[in-house]
Amino acid sequence: MKIAIPTADNKLCMHFGHCEKFVLIDVDEKTKTITGKEEVVPPAHEPGVLPKWLHEKGASVIIAGGMGMRAQQLFEQCGIQVVVGAPSDHPQTVALSWLKGALVTGGNICDH
């Protein structure tokens, strides 16, 4: 499984469309461990581009602070599970917390 986390200043960026990079974290679901990590610079943010690009990179989950409803639908159409309301923290911490069922999420900070 590969988890995509949008980042800025090496922490989860609260809005995925404003991130500097995505950290793609490979995880083993059975052992709940990180098996690999890659930082990638996204293409220009335009509607529909990031879901397709992350799907091509192998992402199956995206964890973000906020995301508009249309973007969530586009990610889901690409087979990528969407988790919103995540706190701004280090990508590995966020990924492991989610994997272990301990990620505390708040409301979606994006209202468009």
N, C-alpha and C. Protein backbone atom coordinates (compact mmCIF):
# COMPACT_ATOMS: atom_id res chain seq x y z
N MET A 1 0.85 -1.18 0.00
CA MET A 1 0.00 0.00 0.00
C MET A 1 0.89 1.23 0.00
N LYS A 2 0.45 2.23 -0.72
CA LYS A 2 1.20 3.49 -0.79
C LYS A 2 0.28 4.63 -0.34
N ILE A 3 0.76 5.42 0.63
CA ILE A 3 0.02 6.55 1.16
C ILE A 3 0.65 7.84 0.66
N ALA A 4 -0.16 8.73 0.10
CA ALA A 4 0.31 10.03 -0.38
C ALA A 4 -0.03 11.10 0.66
N ILE A 5 0.98 11.89 1.01
CA ILE A 5 0.78 12.97 1.97
C ILE A 5 1.34 14.26 1.38
N PRO A 6 0.48 15.28 1.19
CA PRO A 6 0.96 16.57 0.68
C PRO A 6 1.74 17.27 1.79
N THR A 7 2.90 17.84 1.43
CA THR A 7 3.71 18.48 2.46
C THR A 7 4.17 19.88 2.07
N ALA A 8 4.45 20.66 3.11
CA ALA A 8 5.11 21.96 2.99
C ALA A 8 5.96 22.09 4.26
N ASP A 9 7.18 22.50 4.11
CA ASP A 9 8.10 22.59 5.25
C ASP A 9 8.20 21.27 6.00
N ASN A 10 8.21 20.16 5.28
CA ASN A 10 8.38 18.81 5.82
C ASN A 10 7.27 18.37 6.78
N LYS A 11 6.11 19.01 6.69
CA LYS A 11 4.94 18.59 7.47
C LYS A 11 3.73 18.53 6.54
N LEU A 12 2.71 17.80 6.98
CA LEU A 12 1.49 17.72 6.19
C LEU A 12 0.97 19.12 5.92
N CYS A 13 0.73 19.40 4.65
CA CYS A 13 0.18 20.69 4.22
C CYS A 13 -1.33 20.62 4.39
N MET A 14 -1.90 21.63 5.00
CA MET A 14 -3.32 21.56 5.34
C MET A 14 -4.24 21.53 4.11
N HIS A 15 -3.79 22.03 2.97
CA HIS A 15 -4.58 21.91 1.74
C HIS A 15 -3.72 21.24 0.68
N PHE A 16 -4.16 20.09 0.22
CA PHE A 16 -3.33 19.29 -0.69
C PHE A 16 -2.92 20.06 -1.95
N GLY A 17 -3.76 20.97 -2.44
CA GLY A 17 -3.46 21.68 -3.67
C GLY A 17 -2.41 22.77 -3.53
N HIS A 18 -2.01 23.08 -2.30
CA HIS A 18 -1.01 24.12 -2.06
C HIS A 18 0.31 23.55 -1.59
N CYS A 19 0.50 22.26 -1.72
CA CYS A 19 1.71 21.64 -1.19
C CYS A 19 2.92 21.89 -2.08
N GLU A 20 4.10 21.76 -1.46
CA GLU A 20 5.36 21.87 -2.19
C GLU A 20 5.74 20.52 -2.80
N LYS A 21 5.48 19.45 -2.04
CA LYS A 21 5.84 18.10 -2.45
C LYS A 21 4.78 17.13 -1.94
N PHE A 22 4.82 15.94 -2.47
CA PHE A 22 4.07 14.83 -1.90
C PHE A 22 5.10 13.84 -1.38
N VAL A 23 4.85 13.31 -0.20
CA VAL A 23 5.65 12.22 0.31
C VAL A 23 4.82 10.96 0.07
N LEU A 24 5.39 10.04 -0.68
CA LEU A 24 4.74 8.76 -0.96
C LEU A 24 5.37 7.73 -0.04
N ILE A 25 4.55 7.18 0.83
CA ILE A 25 5.05 6.27 1.85
C ILE A 25 4.51 4.87 1.58
N ASP A 26 5.44 3.94 1.37
CA ASP A 26 5.08 2.53 1.20
C ASP A 26 4.94 1.92 2.58
N VAL A 27 3.84 1.21 2.80
CA VAL A 27 3.61 0.59 4.10
C VAL A 27 3.23 -0.87 3.94
N ASP A 28 3.55 -1.64 4.95
CA ASP A 28 3.13 -3.03 5.03
C ASP A 28 1.91 -3.06 5.96
N GLU A 29 0.76 -3.37 5.39
CA GLU A 29 -0.49 -3.34 6.18
C GLU A 29 -0.50 -4.39 7.29
N LYS A 30 0.15 -5.52 7.06
CA LYS A 30 0.13 -6.59 8.06
C LYS A 30 0.99 -6.24 9.27
N THR A 31 2.19 -5.72 9.03
CA THR A 31 3.08 -5.40 10.15
C THR A 31 2.93 -3.96 10.61
N LYS A 32 2.16 -3.18 9.86
CA LYS A 32 1.92 -1.76 10.17
C LYS A 32 3.24 -0.99 10.30
N THR A 33 4.08 -1.19 9.28
CA THR A 33 5.38 -0.53 9.26
C THR A 33 5.60 0.17 7.92
N ILE A 34 6.48 1.15 7.95
CA ILE A 34 6.88 1.85 6.73
C ILE A 34 8.01 1.07 6.07
N THR A 35 7.85 0.80 4.78
CA THR A 35 8.86 0.03 4.06
C THR A 35 9.63 0.87 3.04
N GLY A 36 9.17 2.09 2.81
CA GLY A 36 9.85 2.96 1.86
C GLY A 36 9.22 4.34 1.85
N LYS A 37 9.98 5.30 1.32
CA LYS A 37 9.48 6.68 1.27
C LYS A 37 10.12 7.38 0.08
N GLU A 38 9.32 8.18 -0.61
CA GLU A 38 9.81 8.95 -1.75
C GLU A 38 9.16 10.32 -1.73
N GLU A 39 9.95 11.36 -1.94
CA GLU A 39 9.42 12.71 -2.06
C GLU A 39 9.37 13.08 -3.53
N VAL A 40 8.22 13.58 -3.97
CA VAL A 40 8.06 13.94 -5.38
C VAL A 40 7.42 15.32 -5.49
N VAL A 41 7.85 16.06 -6.49
CA VAL A 41 7.29 17.39 -6.74
C VAL A 41 6.11 17.21 -7.69
N PRO A 42 4.93 17.73 -7.31
CA PRO A 42 3.75 17.52 -8.14
C PRO A 42 3.74 18.41 -9.38
N PRO A 43 2.95 18.00 -10.37
CA PRO A 43 2.75 18.87 -11.53
C PRO A 43 1.92 20.08 -11.09
N ALA A 44 1.78 21.03 -11.97
CA ALA A 44 0.97 22.22 -11.67
C ALA A 44 -0.43 21.80 -11.26
N HIS A 45 -0.96 22.48 -10.24
CA HIS A 45 -2.28 22.14 -9.70
C HIS A 45 -3.38 22.66 -10.62
N GLU A 46 -4.05 21.72 -11.26
CA GLU A 46 -5.22 22.01 -12.08
C GLU A 46 -6.25 20.93 -11.77
N PRO A 47 -7.53 21.23 -11.88
CA PRO A 47 -8.55 20.23 -11.55
C PRO A 47 -8.32 18.90 -12.26
N GLY A 48 -8.28 17.85 -11.49
CA GLY A 48 -8.17 16.50 -12.03
C GLY A 48 -6.76 16.00 -12.28
N VAL A 49 -5.76 16.86 -12.25
CA VAL A 49 -4.39 16.45 -12.56
C VAL A 49 -3.78 15.61 -11.44
N LEU A 50 -3.89 16.08 -10.21
CA LEU A 50 -3.23 15.39 -9.10
C LEU A 50 -3.78 13.99 -8.83
N PRO A 51 -5.09 13.77 -8.88
CA PRO A 51 -5.58 12.41 -8.67
C PRO A 51 -5.01 11.41 -9.69
N LYS A 52 -5.00 11.79 -10.95
CA LYS A 52 -4.47 10.90 -11.99
C LYS A 52 -2.98 10.67 -11.80
N TRP A 53 -2.25 11.73 -11.49
CA TRP A 53 -0.80 11.65 -11.30
C TRP A 53 -0.47 10.75 -10.10
N LEU A 54 -1.17 10.93 -8.99
CA LEU A 54 -0.90 10.10 -7.82
C LEU A 54 -1.31 8.65 -8.05
N HIS A 55 -2.38 8.43 -8.82
CA HIS A 55 -2.77 7.07 -9.18
C HIS A 55 -1.65 6.41 -9.99
N GLU A 56 -1.08 7.14 -10.93
CA GLU A 56 0.03 6.61 -11.73
C GLU A 56 1.25 6.31 -10.87
N LYS A 57 1.41 7.04 -9.77
CA LYS A 57 2.53 6.82 -8.84
C LYS A 57 2.26 5.65 -7.90
N GLY A 58 1.03 5.10 -7.96
CA GLY A 58 0.71 3.93 -7.15
C GLY A 58 0.03 4.21 -5.82
N ALA A 59 -0.37 5.46 -5.59
CA ALA A 59 -1.02 5.79 -4.32
C ALA A 59 -2.39 5.13 -4.21
N SER A 60 -2.69 4.62 -3.02
CA SER A 60 -4.01 4.03 -2.78
C SER A 60 -4.77 4.80 -1.71
N VAL A 61 -4.06 5.69 -0.99
CA VAL A 61 -4.66 6.53 0.05
C VAL A 61 -4.02 7.90 -0.03
N ILE A 62 -4.81 8.97 0.18
CA ILE A 62 -4.27 10.30 0.36
C ILE A 62 -4.78 10.83 1.68
N ILE A 63 -3.88 11.38 2.48
CA ILE A 63 -4.24 11.95 3.77
C ILE A 63 -3.94 13.44 3.70
N ALA A 64 -4.96 14.26 3.94
CA ALA A 64 -4.80 15.71 3.82
C ALA A 64 -5.53 16.42 4.96
N GLY A 65 -5.20 17.67 5.15
CA GLY A 65 -5.92 18.49 6.12
C GLY A 65 -7.26 18.88 5.56
N GLY A 66 -7.27 19.31 4.30
CA GLY A 66 -8.49 19.73 3.67
C GLY A 66 -8.49 19.47 2.19
N MET A 67 -9.70 19.26 1.66
CA MET A 67 -9.83 18.98 0.23
C MET A 67 -11.29 19.24 -0.17
N GLY A 68 -11.48 19.93 -1.28
CA GLY A 68 -12.81 20.19 -1.78
C GLY A 68 -13.53 18.91 -2.18
N MET A 69 -14.84 18.98 -2.21
CA MET A 69 -15.64 17.79 -2.53
C MET A 69 -15.37 17.26 -3.94
N ARG A 70 -15.19 18.15 -4.91
CA ARG A 70 -14.93 17.69 -6.28
C ARG A 70 -13.60 16.94 -6.34
N ALA A 71 -12.58 17.46 -5.66
CA ALA A 71 -11.29 16.77 -5.63
C ALA A 71 -11.42 15.40 -4.97
N GLN A 72 -12.19 15.33 -3.89
CA GLN A 72 -12.39 14.04 -3.23
C GLN A 72 -13.03 13.04 -4.19
N GLN A 73 -14.02 13.51 -4.95
CA GLN A 73 -14.68 12.63 -5.92
C GLN A 73 -13.70 12.15 -6.99
N LEU A 74 -12.84 13.05 -7.46
CA LEU A 74 -11.86 12.68 -8.49
C LEU A 74 -10.86 11.66 -7.96
N PHE A 75 -10.42 11.83 -6.71
CA PHE A 75 -9.51 10.84 -6.11
C PHE A 75 -10.21 9.49 -6.00
N GLU A 76 -11.45 9.50 -5.54
CA GLU A 76 -12.18 8.24 -5.38
C GLU A 76 -12.41 7.56 -6.74
N GLN A 77 -12.63 8.35 -7.79
CA GLN A 77 -12.80 7.78 -9.13
C GLN A 77 -11.51 7.11 -9.61
N CYS A 78 -10.38 7.58 -9.09
CA CYS A 78 -9.08 6.98 -9.44
C CYS A 78 -8.72 5.83 -8.51
N GLY A 79 -9.64 5.47 -7.62
CA GLY A 79 -9.39 4.35 -6.71
C GLY A 79 -8.53 4.71 -5.52
N ILE A 80 -8.47 5.99 -5.19
CA ILE A 80 -7.64 6.45 -4.06
C ILE A 80 -8.56 6.84 -2.91
N GLN A 81 -8.37 6.20 -1.77
CA GLN A 81 -9.15 6.52 -0.57
C GLN A 81 -8.72 7.88 -0.05
N VAL A 82 -9.70 8.70 0.36
CA VAL A 82 -9.43 10.05 0.84
C VAL A 82 -9.65 10.13 2.35
N VAL A 83 -8.67 10.68 3.06
CA VAL A 83 -8.78 10.94 4.49
C VAL A 83 -8.52 12.44 4.66
N VAL A 84 -9.49 13.17 5.21
CA VAL A 84 -9.32 14.61 5.42
C VAL A 84 -9.43 14.93 6.91
N GLY A 85 -8.97 16.12 7.26
CA GLY A 85 -9.02 16.57 8.65
C GLY A 85 -7.81 16.16 9.44
N ALA A 86 -6.75 15.71 8.75
CA ALA A 86 -5.54 15.28 9.44
C ALA A 86 -4.77 16.49 9.96
N PRO A 87 -4.03 16.32 11.05
CA PRO A 87 -3.25 17.42 11.61
C PRO A 87 -1.95 17.63 10.84
N SER A 88 -1.39 18.82 10.95
CA SER A 88 -0.10 19.10 10.33
C SER A 88 0.99 18.48 11.20
N ASP A 89 1.58 17.42 10.71
CA ASP A 89 2.63 16.70 11.43
C ASP A 89 3.56 16.09 10.40
N HIS A 90 4.61 15.43 10.86
CA HIS A 90 5.55 14.80 9.94
C HIS A 90 4.85 13.66 9.18
N PRO A 91 5.11 13.51 7.90
CA PRO A 91 4.41 12.52 7.08
C PRO A 91 4.45 11.10 7.65
N GLN A 92 5.61 10.68 8.13
CA GLN A 92 5.72 9.32 8.67
C GLN A 92 4.83 9.15 9.90
N THR A 93 4.75 10.18 10.74
CA THR A 93 3.91 10.12 11.93
C THR A 93 2.44 10.00 11.54
N VAL A 94 2.03 10.81 10.56
CA VAL A 94 0.65 10.77 10.08
C VAL A 94 0.32 9.40 9.49
N ALA A 95 1.20 8.89 8.64
CA ALA A 95 0.97 7.60 7.99
C ALA A 95 0.87 6.47 9.00
N LEU A 96 1.79 6.42 9.95
CA LEU A 96 1.76 5.35 10.95
C LEU A 96 0.53 5.46 11.84
N SER A 97 0.15 6.67 12.21
CA SER A 97 -1.05 6.85 13.04
C SER A 97 -2.28 6.34 12.30
N TRP A 98 -2.39 6.68 11.01
CA TRP A 98 -3.53 6.21 10.22
C TRP A 98 -3.52 4.69 10.10
N LEU A 99 -2.36 4.15 9.80
CA LEU A 99 -2.22 2.71 9.61
C LEU A 99 -2.62 1.94 10.86
N LYS A 100 -2.32 2.50 12.02
CA LYS A 100 -2.63 1.84 13.30
C LYS A 100 -4.02 2.19 13.82
N GLY A 101 -4.78 2.99 13.04
CA GLY A 101 -6.13 3.35 13.44
C GLY A 101 -6.17 4.39 14.55
N ALA A 102 -5.07 5.13 14.71
CA ALA A 102 -4.98 6.10 15.80
C ALA A 102 -4.94 7.55 15.33
N LEU A 103 -5.12 7.79 14.02
CA LEU A 103 -5.07 9.15 13.51
C LEU A 103 -6.32 9.91 13.93
N VAL A 104 -6.11 11.00 14.65
CA VAL A 104 -7.23 11.83 15.10
C VAL A 104 -7.45 12.90 14.03
N THR A 105 -8.63 12.87 13.42
CA THR A 105 -8.93 13.84 12.37
C THR A 105 -10.00 14.80 12.86
N GLY A 106 -9.91 16.02 12.36
CA GLY A 106 -10.92 17.02 12.65
C GLY A 106 -11.78 17.21 11.42
N GLY A 107 -12.36 18.37 11.31
CA GLY A 107 -13.19 18.67 10.14
C GLY A 107 -12.34 18.98 8.93
N ASN A 108 -12.95 18.86 7.78
CA ASN A 108 -12.31 19.21 6.52
C ASN A 108 -12.13 20.73 6.51
N ILE A 109 -10.89 21.21 6.44
CA ILE A 109 -10.67 22.64 6.50
C ILE A 109 -10.95 23.36 5.19
N CYS A 110 -11.28 22.61 4.17
CA CYS A 110 -11.55 23.18 2.86
C CYS A 110 -13.05 23.21 2.62
N ASP A 111 -13.55 24.36 2.18
CA ASP A 111 -15.01 24.46 2.01
C ASP A 111 -15.43 24.65 0.55
N HIS A 112 -14.56 24.30 -0.39
CA HIS A 112 -15.00 24.43 -1.79
C HIS A 112 -14.99 23.10 -2.49
